[in-house]
């Protein structure tokens, strides 16, 4: 099974620049008016600014599991991208919410390191 999560945005050039900074690279491919980043073997994040999706702009919520939260947050800061405070849950998971310019919520979650 493949996963495609769609981020509906209002301004495609602004969104492409923001998502390139957030994900650390430009889109992997464009199919028509959709721009796709491959996040895993069968997982894609899609940015779409078509008018047909206009009523959904800013309503997406996705959580991405990461292994390098501090590095990502440093990269985001270097691009002027802010985030909510980092939380650490009782199970050791570190979690932070980042909002794109339209208010789509992209959470980053890092599991605690495995004991050596």
PDB file of N, CA and C in Angstrom:
ATOM      1  N   UNK A   1       0.840  -1.170   0.000  1.00  0.00           N
ATOM      2  CA  UNK A   1       0.000   0.000   0.000  1.00  0.00           C
ATOM      3  C   UNK A   1       0.892   1.243   0.000  1.00  0.00           C
ATOM      4  N   UNK A   2       0.510   2.241  -0.782  1.00  0.00           N
ATOM      5  CA  UNK A   2       1.235   3.505  -0.842  1.00  0.00           C
ATOM      6  C   UNK A   2       0.460   4.574  -0.086  1.00  0.00           C
ATOM      7  N   UNK A   3       1.166   5.586   0.419  1.00  0.00           N
ATOM      8  CA  UNK A   3       0.539   6.695   1.120  1.00  0.00           C
ATOM      9  C   UNK A   3       0.889   7.990   0.402  1.00  0.00           C
ATOM     10  N   UNK A   4      -0.120   8.777   0.102  1.00  0.00           N
ATOM     11  CA  UNK A   4       0.043  10.118  -0.456  1.00  0.00           C
ATOM     12  C   UNK A   4      -0.709  11.066   0.463  1.00  0.00           C
ATOM     13  N   UNK A   5       0.010  11.949   1.149  1.00  0.00           N
ATOM     14  CA  UNK A   5      -0.647  12.948   1.988  1.00  0.00           C
ATOM     15  C   UNK A   5      -0.584  14.268   1.246  1.00  0.00           C
ATOM     16  N   UNK A   6      -1.720  14.924   1.109  1.00  0.00           N
ATOM     17  CA  UNK A   6      -1.802  16.133   0.286  1.00  0.00           C
ATOM     18  C   UNK A   6      -1.887  17.358   1.178  1.00  0.00           C
ATOM     19  N   UNK A   7      -0.976  18.291   0.934  1.00  0.00           N
ATOM     20  CA  UNK A   7      -0.974  19.577   1.607  1.00  0.00           C
ATOM     21  C   UNK A   7      -1.564  20.593   0.636  1.00  0.00           C
ATOM     22  N   UNK A   8      -2.770  21.041   0.922  1.00  0.00           N
ATOM     23  CA  UNK A   8      -3.429  22.037   0.075  1.00  0.00           C
ATOM     24  C   UNK A   8      -2.924  23.416   0.483  1.00  0.00           C
ATOM     25  N   UNK A   9      -2.436  24.170  -0.479  1.00  0.00           N
ATOM     26  CA  UNK A   9      -1.821  25.464  -0.205  1.00  0.00           C
ATOM     27  C   UNK A   9      -2.442  26.537  -1.088  1.00  0.00           C
ATOM     28  N   UNK A  10      -2.245  27.794  -0.696  1.00  0.00           N
ATOM     29  CA  UNK A  10      -2.837  28.901  -1.430  1.00  0.00           C
ATOM     30  C   UNK A  10      -1.882  29.559  -2.416  1.00  0.00           C
ATOM     31  N   UNK A  11      -0.593  29.408  -2.212  1.00  0.00           N
ATOM     32  CA  UNK A  11       0.410  30.100  -3.034  1.00  0.00           C
ATOM     33  C   UNK A  11       1.508  29.091  -3.367  1.00  0.00           C
ATOM     34  N   UNK A  12       1.467  28.544  -4.565  1.00  0.00           N
ATOM     35  CA  UNK A  12       2.388  27.454  -4.921  1.00  0.00           C
ATOM     36  C   UNK A  12       3.862  27.852  -4.845  1.00  0.00           C
ATOM     37  N   UNK A  13       4.302  28.970  -5.430  1.00  0.00           N
ATOM     38  CA  UNK A  13       5.736  29.302  -5.319  1.00  0.00           C
ATOM     39  C   UNK A  13       6.203  29.427  -3.859  1.00  0.00           C
ATOM     40  N   UNK A  14       5.400  30.085  -3.036  1.00  0.00           N
ATOM     41  CA  UNK A  14       5.760  30.222  -1.613  1.00  0.00           C
ATOM     42  C   UNK A  14       5.824  28.848  -0.951  1.00  0.00           C
ATOM     43  N   UNK A  15       4.829  27.999  -1.236  1.00  0.00           N
ATOM     44  CA  UNK A  15       4.788  26.665  -0.633  1.00  0.00           C
ATOM     45  C   UNK A  15       5.965  25.813  -1.076  1.00  0.00           C
ATOM     46  N   UNK A  16       6.321  25.863  -2.350  1.00  0.00           N
ATOM     47  CA  UNK A  16       7.450  25.058  -2.827  1.00  0.00           C
ATOM     48  C   UNK A  16       8.742  25.472  -2.144  1.00  0.00           C
ATOM     49  N   UNK A  17       8.931  26.758  -1.939  1.00  0.00           N
ATOM     50  CA  UNK A  17      10.127  27.236  -1.236  1.00  0.00           C
ATOM     51  C   UNK A  17      10.103  26.779   0.225  1.00  0.00           C
ATOM     52  N   UNK A  18       8.936  26.896   0.864  1.00  0.00           N
ATOM     53  CA  UNK A  18       8.817  26.522   2.275  1.00  0.00           C
ATOM     54  C   UNK A  18       9.046  25.021   2.449  1.00  0.00           C
ATOM     55  N   UNK A  19       8.377  24.199   1.642  1.00  0.00           N
ATOM     56  CA  UNK A  19       8.517  22.747   1.790  1.00  0.00           C
ATOM     57  C   UNK A  19       9.923  22.273   1.431  1.00  0.00           C
ATOM     58  N   UNK A  20      10.576  22.936   0.491  1.00  0.00           N
ATOM     59  CA  UNK A  20      11.969  22.593   0.179  1.00  0.00           C
ATOM     60  C   UNK A  20      12.854  22.842   1.404  1.00  0.00           C
ATOM     61  N   UNK A  21      12.617  23.945   2.099  1.00  0.00           N
ATOM     62  CA  UNK A  21      13.378  24.229   3.320  1.00  0.00           C
ATOM     63  C   UNK A  21      13.012  23.227   4.415  1.00  0.00           C
ATOM     64  N   UNK A  22      11.727  22.948   4.577  1.00  0.00           N
ATOM     65  CA  UNK A  22      11.262  22.029   5.618  1.00  0.00           C
ATOM     66  C   UNK A  22      11.832  20.624   5.403  1.00  0.00           C
ATOM     67  N   UNK A  23      11.794  20.155   4.156  1.00  0.00           N
ATOM     68  CA  UNK A  23      12.226  18.783   3.868  1.00  0.00           C
ATOM     69  C   UNK A  23      13.696  18.681   3.455  1.00  0.00           C
ATOM     70  N   UNK A  24      14.356  19.816   3.304  1.00  0.00           N
ATOM     71  CA  UNK A  24      15.785  19.815   3.010  1.00  0.00           C
ATOM     72  C   UNK A  24      16.155  19.592   1.561  1.00  0.00           C
ATOM     73  N   UNK A  25      15.154  19.684   0.656  1.00  0.00           N
ATOM     74  CA  UNK A  25      15.440  19.496  -0.763  1.00  0.00           C
ATOM     75  C   UNK A  25      14.210  19.904  -1.577  1.00  0.00           C
ATOM     76  N   UNK A  26      14.410  20.209  -2.846  1.00  0.00           N
ATOM     77  CA  UNK A  26      13.256  20.500  -3.702  1.00  0.00           C
ATOM     78  C   UNK A  26      12.430  19.237  -3.935  1.00  0.00           C
ATOM     79  N   UNK A  27      11.237  19.425  -4.480  1.00  0.00           N
ATOM     80  CA  UNK A  27      10.353  18.286  -4.768  1.00  0.00           C
ATOM     81  C   UNK A  27      11.072  17.260  -5.625  1.00  0.00           C
ATOM     82  N   UNK A  28      10.779  15.991  -5.386  1.00  0.00           N
ATOM     83  CA  UNK A  28      11.380  14.908  -6.162  1.00  0.00           C
ATOM     84  C   UNK A  28      10.775  14.805  -7.550  1.00  0.00           C
ATOM     85  N   UNK A  29       9.508  15.203  -7.676  1.00  0.00           N
ATOM     86  CA  UNK A  29       8.893  15.170  -8.992  1.00  0.00           C
ATOM     87  C   UNK A  29       7.634  16.023  -8.998  1.00  0.00           C
ATOM     88  N   UNK A  30       7.240  16.432 -10.181  1.00  0.00           N
ATOM     89  CA  UNK A  30       5.988  17.156 -10.373  1.00  0.00           C
ATOM     90  C   UNK A  30       5.149  16.350 -11.354  1.00  0.00           C
ATOM     91  N   UNK A  31       3.900  16.157 -10.990  1.00  0.00           N
ATOM     92  CA  UNK A  31       2.955  15.469 -11.864  1.00  0.00           C
ATOM     93  C   UNK A  31       1.811  16.454 -12.074  1.00  0.00           C
ATOM     94  N   UNK A  32       1.746  17.013 -13.254  1.00  0.00           N
ATOM     95  CA  UNK A  32       0.768  18.062 -13.495  1.00  0.00           C
ATOM     96  C   UNK A  32       1.046  19.227 -12.573  1.00  0.00           C
ATOM     97  N   UNK A  33       0.069  19.605 -11.791  1.00  0.00           N
ATOM     98  CA  UNK A  33       0.213  20.735 -10.875  1.00  0.00           C
ATOM     99  C   UNK A  33       0.556  20.303  -9.459  1.00  0.00           C
ATOM    100  N   UNK A  34       0.758  19.010  -9.245  1.00  0.00           N
ATOM    101  CA  UNK A  34       1.126  18.505  -7.929  1.00  0.00           C
ATOM    102  C   UNK A  34       2.638  18.312  -7.850  1.00  0.00           C
ATOM    103  N   UNK A  35       3.205  18.677  -6.709  1.00  0.00           N
ATOM    104  CA  UNK A  35       4.646  18.536  -6.475  1.00  0.00           C
ATOM    105  C   UNK A  35       4.826  17.542  -5.341  1.00  0.00           C
ATOM    106  N   UNK A  36       5.667  16.532  -5.578  1.00  0.00           N
ATOM    107  CA  UNK A  36       5.767  15.401  -4.663  1.00  0.00           C
ATOM    108  C   UNK A  36       7.171  15.243  -4.086  1.00  0.00           C
ATOM    109  N   UNK A  37       7.195  14.962  -2.785  1.00  0.00           N
ATOM    110  CA  UNK A  37       8.424  14.583  -2.094  1.00  0.00           C
ATOM    111  C   UNK A  37       8.244  13.151  -1.629  1.00  0.00           C
ATOM    112  N   UNK A  38       9.204  12.296  -1.966  1.00  0.00           N
ATOM    113  CA  UNK A  38       9.149  10.920  -1.483  1.00  0.00           C
ATOM    114  C   UNK A  38       9.774  10.889  -0.093  1.00  0.00           C
ATOM    115  N   UNK A  39       8.981  10.447   0.887  1.00  0.00           N
ATOM    116  CA  UNK A  39       9.437  10.429   2.277  1.00  0.00           C
ATOM    117  C   UNK A  39       9.837   9.045   2.749  1.00  0.00           C
ATOM    118  N   UNK A  40       9.422   8.030   2.032  1.00  0.00           N
ATOM    119  CA  UNK A  40       9.730   6.651   2.360  1.00  0.00           C
ATOM    120  C   UNK A  40       9.512   5.823   1.115  1.00  0.00           C
ATOM    121  N   UNK A  41       9.768   4.540   1.224  1.00  0.00           N
ATOM    122  CA  UNK A  41       9.643   3.668   0.056  1.00  0.00           C
ATOM    123  C   UNK A  41       8.284   3.809  -0.631  1.00  0.00           C
ATOM    124  N   UNK A  42       7.230   3.964   0.136  1.00  0.00           N
ATOM    125  CA  UNK A  42       5.884   4.057  -0.436  1.00  0.00           C
ATOM    126  C   UNK A  42       5.099   5.210   0.185  1.00  0.00           C
ATOM    127  N   UNK A  43       5.799   6.264   0.609  1.00  0.00           N
ATOM    128  CA  UNK A  43       5.138   7.392   1.270  1.00  0.00           C
ATOM    129  C   UNK A  43       5.544   8.699   0.592  1.00  0.00           C
ATOM    130  N   UNK A  44       4.547   9.488   0.234  1.00  0.00           N
ATOM    131  CA  UNK A  44       4.767  10.737  -0.488  1.00  0.00           C
ATOM    132  C   UNK A  44       4.018  11.886   0.176  1.00  0.00           C
ATOM    133  N   UNK A  45       4.633  13.059   0.194  1.00  0.00           N
ATOM    134  CA  UNK A  45       3.968  14.285   0.588  1.00  0.00           C
ATOM    135  C   UNK A  45       3.746  15.084  -0.692  1.00  0.00           C
ATOM    136  N   UNK A  46       2.506  15.515  -0.905  1.00  0.00           N
ATOM    137  CA  UNK A  46       2.117  16.193  -2.137  1.00  0.00           C
ATOM    138  C   UNK A  46       1.684  17.612  -1.803  1.00  0.00           C
ATOM    139  N   UNK A  47       2.210  18.593  -2.526  1.00  0.00           N
ATOM    140  CA  UNK A  47       1.786  19.984  -2.381  1.00  0.00           C
ATOM    141  C   UNK A  47       0.948  20.339  -3.597  1.00  0.00           C
ATOM    142  N   UNK A  48      -0.246  20.877  -3.327  1.00  0.00           N
ATOM    143  CA  UNK A  48      -1.212  21.147  -4.393  1.00  0.00           C
ATOM    144  C   UNK A  48      -1.898  22.480  -4.130  1.00  0.00           C
ATOM    145  N   UNK A  49      -1.841  23.381  -5.092  1.00  0.00           N
ATOM    146  CA  UNK A  49      -2.465  24.706  -4.955  1.00  0.00           C
ATOM    147  C   UNK A  49      -3.637  24.894  -5.907  1.00  0.00           C
ATOM    148  N   UNK A  50      -4.118  23.816  -6.505  1.00  0.00           N
ATOM    149  CA  UNK A  50      -5.224  23.973  -7.447  1.00  0.00           C
ATOM    150  C   UNK A  50      -6.472  24.504  -6.758  1.00  0.00           C
ATOM    151  N   UNK A  51      -7.202  25.320  -7.472  1.00  0.00           N
ATOM    152  CA  UNK A  51      -8.406  25.945  -6.944  1.00  0.00           C
ATOM    153  C   UNK A  51      -9.428  24.911  -6.466  1.00  0.00           C
ATOM    154  N   UNK A  52      -9.461  23.752  -7.122  1.00  0.00           N
ATOM    155  CA  UNK A  52     -10.408  22.706  -6.739  1.00  0.00           C
ATOM    156  C   UNK A  52     -10.204  22.260  -5.289  1.00  0.00           C
ATOM    157  N   UNK A  53      -9.030  22.458  -4.752  1.00  0.00           N
ATOM    158  CA  UNK A  53      -8.735  22.079  -3.363  1.00  0.00           C
ATOM    159  C   UNK A  53      -8.787  23.285  -2.422  1.00  0.00           C
ATOM    160  N   UNK A  54      -9.218  24.435  -2.919  1.00  0.00           N
ATOM    161  CA  UNK A  54      -9.178  25.677  -2.159  1.00  0.00           C
ATOM    162  C   UNK A  54      -9.821  25.627  -0.793  1.00  0.00           C
ATOM    163  N   UNK A  55     -10.930  24.932  -0.648  1.00  0.00           N
ATOM    164  CA  UNK A  55     -11.615  24.896   0.646  1.00  0.00           C
ATOM    165  C   UNK A  55     -10.859  24.063   1.674  1.00  0.00           C
ATOM    166  N   UNK A  56      -9.855  23.327   1.245  1.00  0.00           N
ATOM    167  CA  UNK A  56      -9.084  22.481   2.174  1.00  0.00           C
ATOM    168  C   UNK A  56      -7.751  23.095   2.571  1.00  0.00           C
ATOM    169  N   UNK A  57      -7.432  24.271   2.059  1.00  0.00           N
ATOM    170  CA  UNK A  57      -6.150  24.912   2.372  1.00  0.00           C
ATOM    171  C   UNK A  57      -6.012  25.089   3.878  1.00  0.00           C
ATOM    172  N   UNK A  58      -4.865  24.668   4.394  1.00  0.00           N
ATOM    173  CA  UNK A  58      -4.553  24.862   5.802  1.00  0.00           C
ATOM    174  C   UNK A  58      -5.187  23.874   6.760  1.00  0.00           C
ATOM    175  N   UNK A  59      -5.792  22.826   6.266  1.00  0.00           N
ATOM    176  CA  UNK A  59      -6.500  21.891   7.142  1.00  0.00           C
ATOM    177  C   UNK A  59      -5.788  20.552   7.332  1.00  0.00           C
ATOM    178  N   UNK A  60      -4.644  20.369   6.719  1.00  0.00           N
ATOM    179  CA  UNK A  60      -3.949  19.085   6.813  1.00  0.00           C
ATOM    180  C   UNK A  60      -3.202  18.961   8.137  1.00  0.00           C
ATOM    181  N   UNK A  61      -3.116  17.723   8.601  1.00  0.00           N
ATOM    182  CA  UNK A  61      -2.324  17.391   9.786  1.00  0.00           C
ATOM    183  C   UNK A  61      -1.585  16.091   9.491  1.00  0.00           C
ATOM    184  N   UNK A  62      -0.284  16.115   9.673  1.00  0.00           N
ATOM    185  CA  UNK A  62       0.513  14.917   9.439  1.00  0.00           C
ATOM    186  C   UNK A  62       1.631  14.888  10.475  1.00  0.00           C
ATOM    187  N   UNK A  63       2.009  13.683  10.886  1.00  0.00           N
ATOM    188  CA  UNK A  63       3.149  13.512  11.782  1.00  0.00           C
ATOM    189  C   UNK A  63       4.198  12.687  11.054  1.00  0.00           C
ATOM    190  N   UNK A  64       5.417  13.181  11.076  1.00  0.00           N
ATOM    191  CA  UNK A  64       6.542  12.509  10.429  1.00  0.00           C
ATOM    192  C   UNK A  64       7.493  12.006  11.510  1.00  0.00           C
ATOM    193  N   UNK A  65       7.809  10.734  11.473  1.00  0.00           N
ATOM    194  CA  UNK A  65       8.794  10.174  12.390  1.00  0.00           C
ATOM    195  C   UNK A  65      10.191  10.497  11.880  1.00  0.00           C
ATOM    196  N   UNK A  66      11.034  11.053  12.731  1.00  0.00           N
ATOM    197  CA  UNK A  66      12.384  11.448  12.339  1.00  0.00           C
ATOM    198  C   UNK A  66      13.400  10.879  13.318  1.00  0.00           C
ATOM    199  N   UNK A  67      14.655  10.829  12.892  1.00  0.00           N
ATOM    200  CA  UNK A  67      15.735  10.355  13.764  1.00  0.00           C
ATOM    201  C   UNK A  67      16.689  11.478  14.147  1.00  0.00           C
ATOM    202  N   UNK A  68      16.495  12.659  13.568  1.00  0.00           N
ATOM    203  CA  UNK A  68      17.437  13.762  13.755  1.00  0.00           C
ATOM    204  C   UNK A  68      16.708  15.077  14.023  1.00  0.00           C
ATOM    205  N   UNK A  69      15.843  15.089  15.024  1.00  0.00           N
ATOM    206  CA  UNK A  69      14.994  16.247  15.302  1.00  0.00           C
ATOM    207  C   UNK A  69      15.802  17.525  15.496  1.00  0.00           C
ATOM    208  N   UNK A  70      16.871  17.486  16.263  1.00  0.00           N
ATOM    209  CA  UNK A  70      17.648  18.699  16.515  1.00  0.00           C
ATOM    210  C   UNK A  70      18.264  19.258  15.234  1.00  0.00           C
ATOM    211  N   UNK A  71      18.752  18.394  14.360  1.00  0.00           N
ATOM    212  CA  UNK A  71      19.314  18.852  13.077  1.00  0.00           C
ATOM    213  C   UNK A  71      18.234  19.499  12.219  1.00  0.00           C
ATOM    214  N   UNK A  72      17.065  18.897  12.193  1.00  0.00           N
ATOM    215  CA  UNK A  72      15.964  19.453  11.395  1.00  0.00           C
ATOM    216  C   UNK A  72      15.562  20.816  11.942  1.00  0.00           C
ATOM    217  N   UNK A  73      15.426  20.923  13.251  1.00  0.00           N
ATOM    218  CA  UNK A  73      15.039  22.204  13.834  1.00  0.00           C
ATOM    219  C   UNK A  73      16.083  23.282  13.579  1.00  0.00           C
ATOM    220  N   UNK A  74      17.356  22.915  13.573  1.00  0.00           N
ATOM    221  CA  UNK A  74      18.412  23.882  13.246  1.00  0.00           C
ATOM    222  C   UNK A  74      18.287  24.342  11.794  1.00  0.00           C
ATOM    223  N   UNK A  75      18.001  23.403  10.882  1.00  0.00           N
ATOM    224  CA  UNK A  75      17.821  23.770   9.474  1.00  0.00           C
ATOM    225  C   UNK A  75      16.620  24.687   9.305  1.00  0.00           C
ATOM    226  N   UNK A  76      15.535  24.364   9.988  1.00  0.00           N
ATOM    227  CA  UNK A  76      14.347  25.208   9.899  1.00  0.00           C
ATOM    228  C   UNK A  76      14.642  26.614  10.413  1.00  0.00           C
ATOM    229  N   UNK A  77      15.333  26.708  11.536  1.00  0.00           N
ATOM    230  CA  UNK A  77      15.681  28.015  12.100  1.00  0.00           C
ATOM    231  C   UNK A  77      16.530  28.821  11.121  1.00  0.00           C
ATOM    232  N   UNK A  78      17.438  28.146  10.433  1.00  0.00           N
ATOM    233  CA  UNK A  78      18.285  28.831   9.453  1.00  0.00           C
ATOM    234  C   UNK A  78      17.472  29.415   8.303  1.00  0.00           C
ATOM    235  N   UNK A  79      16.284  28.853   8.065  1.00  0.00           N
ATOM    236  CA  UNK A  79      15.390  29.343   7.013  1.00  0.00           C
ATOM    237  C   UNK A  79      14.282  30.234   7.578  1.00  0.00           C
ATOM    238  N   UNK A  80      14.369  30.563   8.862  1.00  0.00           N
ATOM    239  CA  UNK A  80      13.370  31.424   9.473  1.00  0.00           C
ATOM    240  C   UNK A  80      12.041  30.744   9.738  1.00  0.00           C
ATOM    241  N   UNK A  81      12.031  29.425   9.757  1.00  0.00           N
ATOM    242  CA  UNK A  81      10.799  28.668  10.015  1.00  0.00           C
ATOM    243  C   UNK A  81      10.706  28.396  11.515  1.00  0.00           C
ATOM    244  N   UNK A  82       9.612  28.842  12.100  1.00  0.00           N
ATOM    245  CA  UNK A  82       9.416  28.681  13.535  1.00  0.00           C
ATOM    246  C   UNK A  82       8.591  27.431  13.824  1.00  0.00           C
ATOM    247  N   UNK A  83       8.552  27.081  15.084  1.00  0.00           N
ATOM    248  CA  UNK A  83       7.786  25.904  15.510  1.00  0.00           C
ATOM    249  C   UNK A  83       7.275  26.132  16.922  1.00  0.00           C
ATOM    250  N   UNK A  84       6.329  25.309  17.313  1.00  0.00           N
ATOM    251  CA  UNK A  84       5.838  25.337  18.685  1.00  0.00           C
ATOM    252  C   UNK A  84       6.911  24.736  19.593  1.00  0.00           C
ATOM    253  N   UNK A  85       6.761  24.867  20.898  1.00  0.00           N
ATOM    254  CA  UNK A  85       7.757  24.279  21.800  1.00  0.00           C
ATOM    255  C   UNK A  85       7.862  22.762  21.616  1.00  0.00           C
ATOM    256  N   UNK A  86       9.065  22.259  21.768  1.00  0.00           N
ATOM    257  CA  UNK A  86       9.295  20.814  21.711  1.00  0.00           C
ATOM    258  C   UNK A  86       8.790  20.211  23.017  1.00  0.00           C
ATOM    259  N   UNK A  87       7.998  19.150  22.886  1.00  0.00           N
ATOM    260  CA  UNK A  87       7.487  18.430  24.046  1.00  0.00           C
ATOM    261  C   UNK A  87       8.202  17.090  24.133  1.00  0.00           C
ATOM    262  N   UNK A  88       8.396  16.603  25.345  1.00  0.00           N
ATOM    263  CA  UNK A  88       8.899  15.249  25.552  1.00  0.00           C
ATOM    264  C   UNK A  88       7.844  14.495  26.334  1.00  0.00           C
ATOM    265  N   UNK A  89       7.320  13.440  25.722  1.00  0.00           N
ATOM    266  CA  UNK A  89       6.270  12.646  26.351  1.00  0.00           C
ATOM    267  C   UNK A  89       6.867  11.696  27.381  1.00  0.00           C
ATOM    268  N   UNK A  90       6.007  11.129  28.202  1.00  0.00           N
ATOM    269  CA  UNK A  90       6.443  10.213  29.267  1.00  0.00           C
ATOM    270  C   UNK A  90       7.215   9.022  28.713  1.00  0.00           C
ATOM    271  N   UNK A  91       6.906   8.617  27.469  1.00  0.00           N
ATOM    272  CA  UNK A  91       7.613   7.477  26.877  1.00  0.00           C
ATOM    273  C   UNK A  91       8.923   7.883  26.212  1.00  0.00           C
ATOM    274  N   UNK A  92       9.306   9.156  26.332  1.00  0.00           N
ATOM    275  CA  UNK A  92      10.576   9.633  25.789  1.00  0.00           C
ATOM    276  C   UNK A  92      10.500  10.194  24.381  1.00  0.00           C
ATOM    277  N   UNK A  93       9.369  10.090  23.731  1.00  0.00           N
ATOM    278  CA  UNK A  93       9.219  10.646  22.381  1.00  0.00           C
ATOM    279  C   UNK A  93       9.263  12.167  22.461  1.00  0.00           C
ATOM    280  N   UNK A  94      10.086  12.757  21.593  1.00  0.00           N
ATOM    281  CA  UNK A  94      10.144  14.213  21.472  1.00  0.00           C
ATOM    282  C   UNK A  94       9.272  14.605  20.283  1.00  0.00           C
ATOM    283  N   UNK A  95       8.428  15.622  20.468  1.00  0.00           N
ATOM    284  CA  UNK A  95       7.416  15.980  19.474  1.00  0.00           C
ATOM    285  C   UNK A  95       7.346  17.504  19.341  1.00  0.00           C
ATOM    286  N   UNK A  96       7.199  17.956  18.106  1.00  0.00           N
ATOM    287  CA  UNK A  96       7.062  19.394  17.867  1.00  0.00           C
ATOM    288  C   UNK A  96       6.127  19.610  16.680  1.00  0.00           C
ATOM    289  N   UNK A  97       5.348  20.679  16.733  1.00  0.00           N
ATOM    290  CA  UNK A  97       4.442  21.034  15.646  1.00  0.00           C
ATOM    291  C   UNK A  97       5.021  22.219  14.887  1.00  0.00           C
ATOM    292  N   UNK A  98       5.046  22.089  13.566  1.00  0.00           N
ATOM    293  CA  UNK A  98       5.475  23.157  12.669  1.00  0.00           C
ATOM    294  C   UNK A  98       4.299  23.452  11.747  1.00  0.00           C
ATOM    295  N   UNK A  99       3.968  24.728  11.593  1.00  0.00           N
ATOM    296  CA  UNK A  99       2.885  25.114  10.696  1.00  0.00           C
ATOM    297  C   UNK A  99       3.451  25.731   9.427  1.00  0.00           C
ATOM    298  N   UNK A 100       2.930  25.293   8.276  1.00  0.00           N
ATOM    299  CA  UNK A 100       3.346  25.921   7.024  1.00  0.00           C
ATOM    300  C   UNK A 100       2.660  27.282   6.908  1.00  0.00           C
ATOM    301  N   UNK A 101       2.987  28.077   5.897  1.00  0.00           N
ATOM    302  CA  UNK A 101       2.401  29.416   5.788  1.00  0.00           C
ATOM    303  C   UNK A 101       0.875  29.438   5.715  1.00  0.00           C
ATOM    304  N   UNK A 102       0.244  28.330   5.329  1.00  0.00           N
ATOM    305  CA  UNK A 102      -1.214  28.265   5.263  1.00  0.00           C
ATOM    306  C   UNK A 102      -1.838  27.676   6.519  1.00  0.00           C
ATOM    307  N   UNK A 103      -1.017  27.231   7.459  1.00  0.00           N
ATOM    308  CA  UNK A 103      -1.541  26.647   8.692  1.00  0.00           C
ATOM    309  C   UNK A 103      -1.635  25.136   8.686  1.00  0.00           C
ATOM    310  N   UNK A 104      -1.178  24.476   7.619  1.00  0.00           N
ATOM    311  CA  UNK A 104      -1.114  23.013   7.643  1.00  0.00           C
ATOM    312  C   UNK A 104      -0.145  22.603   8.751  1.00  0.00           C
ATOM    313  N   UNK A 105      -0.509  21.587   9.508  1.00  0.00           N
ATOM    314  CA  UNK A 105       0.275  21.144  10.652  1.00  0.00           C
ATOM    315  C   UNK A 105       1.153  19.962  10.266  1.00  0.00           C
ATOM    316  N   UNK A 106       2.458  20.137  10.415  1.00  0.00           N
ATOM    317  CA  UNK A 106       3.422  19.075  10.166  1.00  0.00           C
ATOM    318  C   UNK A 106       4.166  18.823  11.465  1.00  0.00           C
ATOM    319  N   UNK A 107       3.810  17.753  12.146  1.00  0.00           N
ATOM    320  CA  UNK A 107       4.474  17.417  13.400  1.00  0.00           C
ATOM    321  C   UNK A 107       5.692  16.552  13.106  1.00  0.00           C
ATOM    322  N   UNK A 108       6.704  16.737  13.913  1.00  0.00           N
ATOM    323  CA  UNK A 108       7.910  15.908  13.854  1.00  0.00           C
ATOM    324  C   UNK A 108       8.005  15.164  15.176  1.00  0.00           C
ATOM    325  N   UNK A 109       8.243  13.865  15.107  1.00  0.00           N
ATOM    326  CA  UNK A 109       8.341  13.046  16.326  1.00  0.00           C
ATOM    327  C   UNK A 109       9.577  12.172  16.249  1.00  0.00           C
ATOM    328  N   UNK A 110      10.370  12.211  17.315  1.00  0.00           N
ATOM    329  CA  UNK A 110      11.576  11.389  17.395  1.00  0.00           C
ATOM    330  C   UNK A 110      11.459  10.467  18.593  1.00  0.00           C
ATOM    331  N   UNK A 111      11.581   9.171  18.334  1.00  0.00           N
ATOM    332  CA  UNK A 111      11.574   8.181  19.413  1.00  0.00           C
ATOM    333  C   UNK A 111      12.871   8.283  20.190  1.00  0.00           C
ATOM    334  N   UNK A 112      12.849   7.872  21.455  1.00  0.00           N
ATOM    335  CA  UNK A 112      14.091   7.912  22.234  1.00  0.00           C
ATOM    336  C   UNK A 112      15.112   6.947  21.646  1.00  0.00           C
ATOM    337  N   UNK A 113      16.369   7.272  21.870  1.00  0.00           N
ATOM    338  CA  UNK A 113      17.450   6.416  21.390  1.00  0.00           C
ATOM    339  C   UNK A 113      17.383   5.070  22.073  1.00  0.00           C
ATOM    340  N   UNK A 114      17.708   4.042  21.332  1.00  0.00           N
ATOM    341  CA  UNK A 114      17.778   2.686  21.903  1.00  0.00           C
ATOM    342  C   UNK A 114      18.962   2.617  22.863  1.00  0.00           C
ATOM    343  N   UNK A 115      18.810   1.961  24.001  1.00  0.00           N
ATOM    344  CA  UNK A 115      19.951   1.806  24.907  1.00  0.00           C
ATOM    345  C   UNK A 115      21.070   1.018  24.236  1.00  0.00           C
ATOM    346  N   UNK A 116      22.296   1.416  24.534  1.00  0.00           N
ATOM    347  CA  UNK A 116      23.457   0.753  23.925  1.00  0.00           C
ATOM    348  C   UNK A 116      23.717  -0.591  24.537  1.00  0.00           C
TER     349      UNK A 116
END
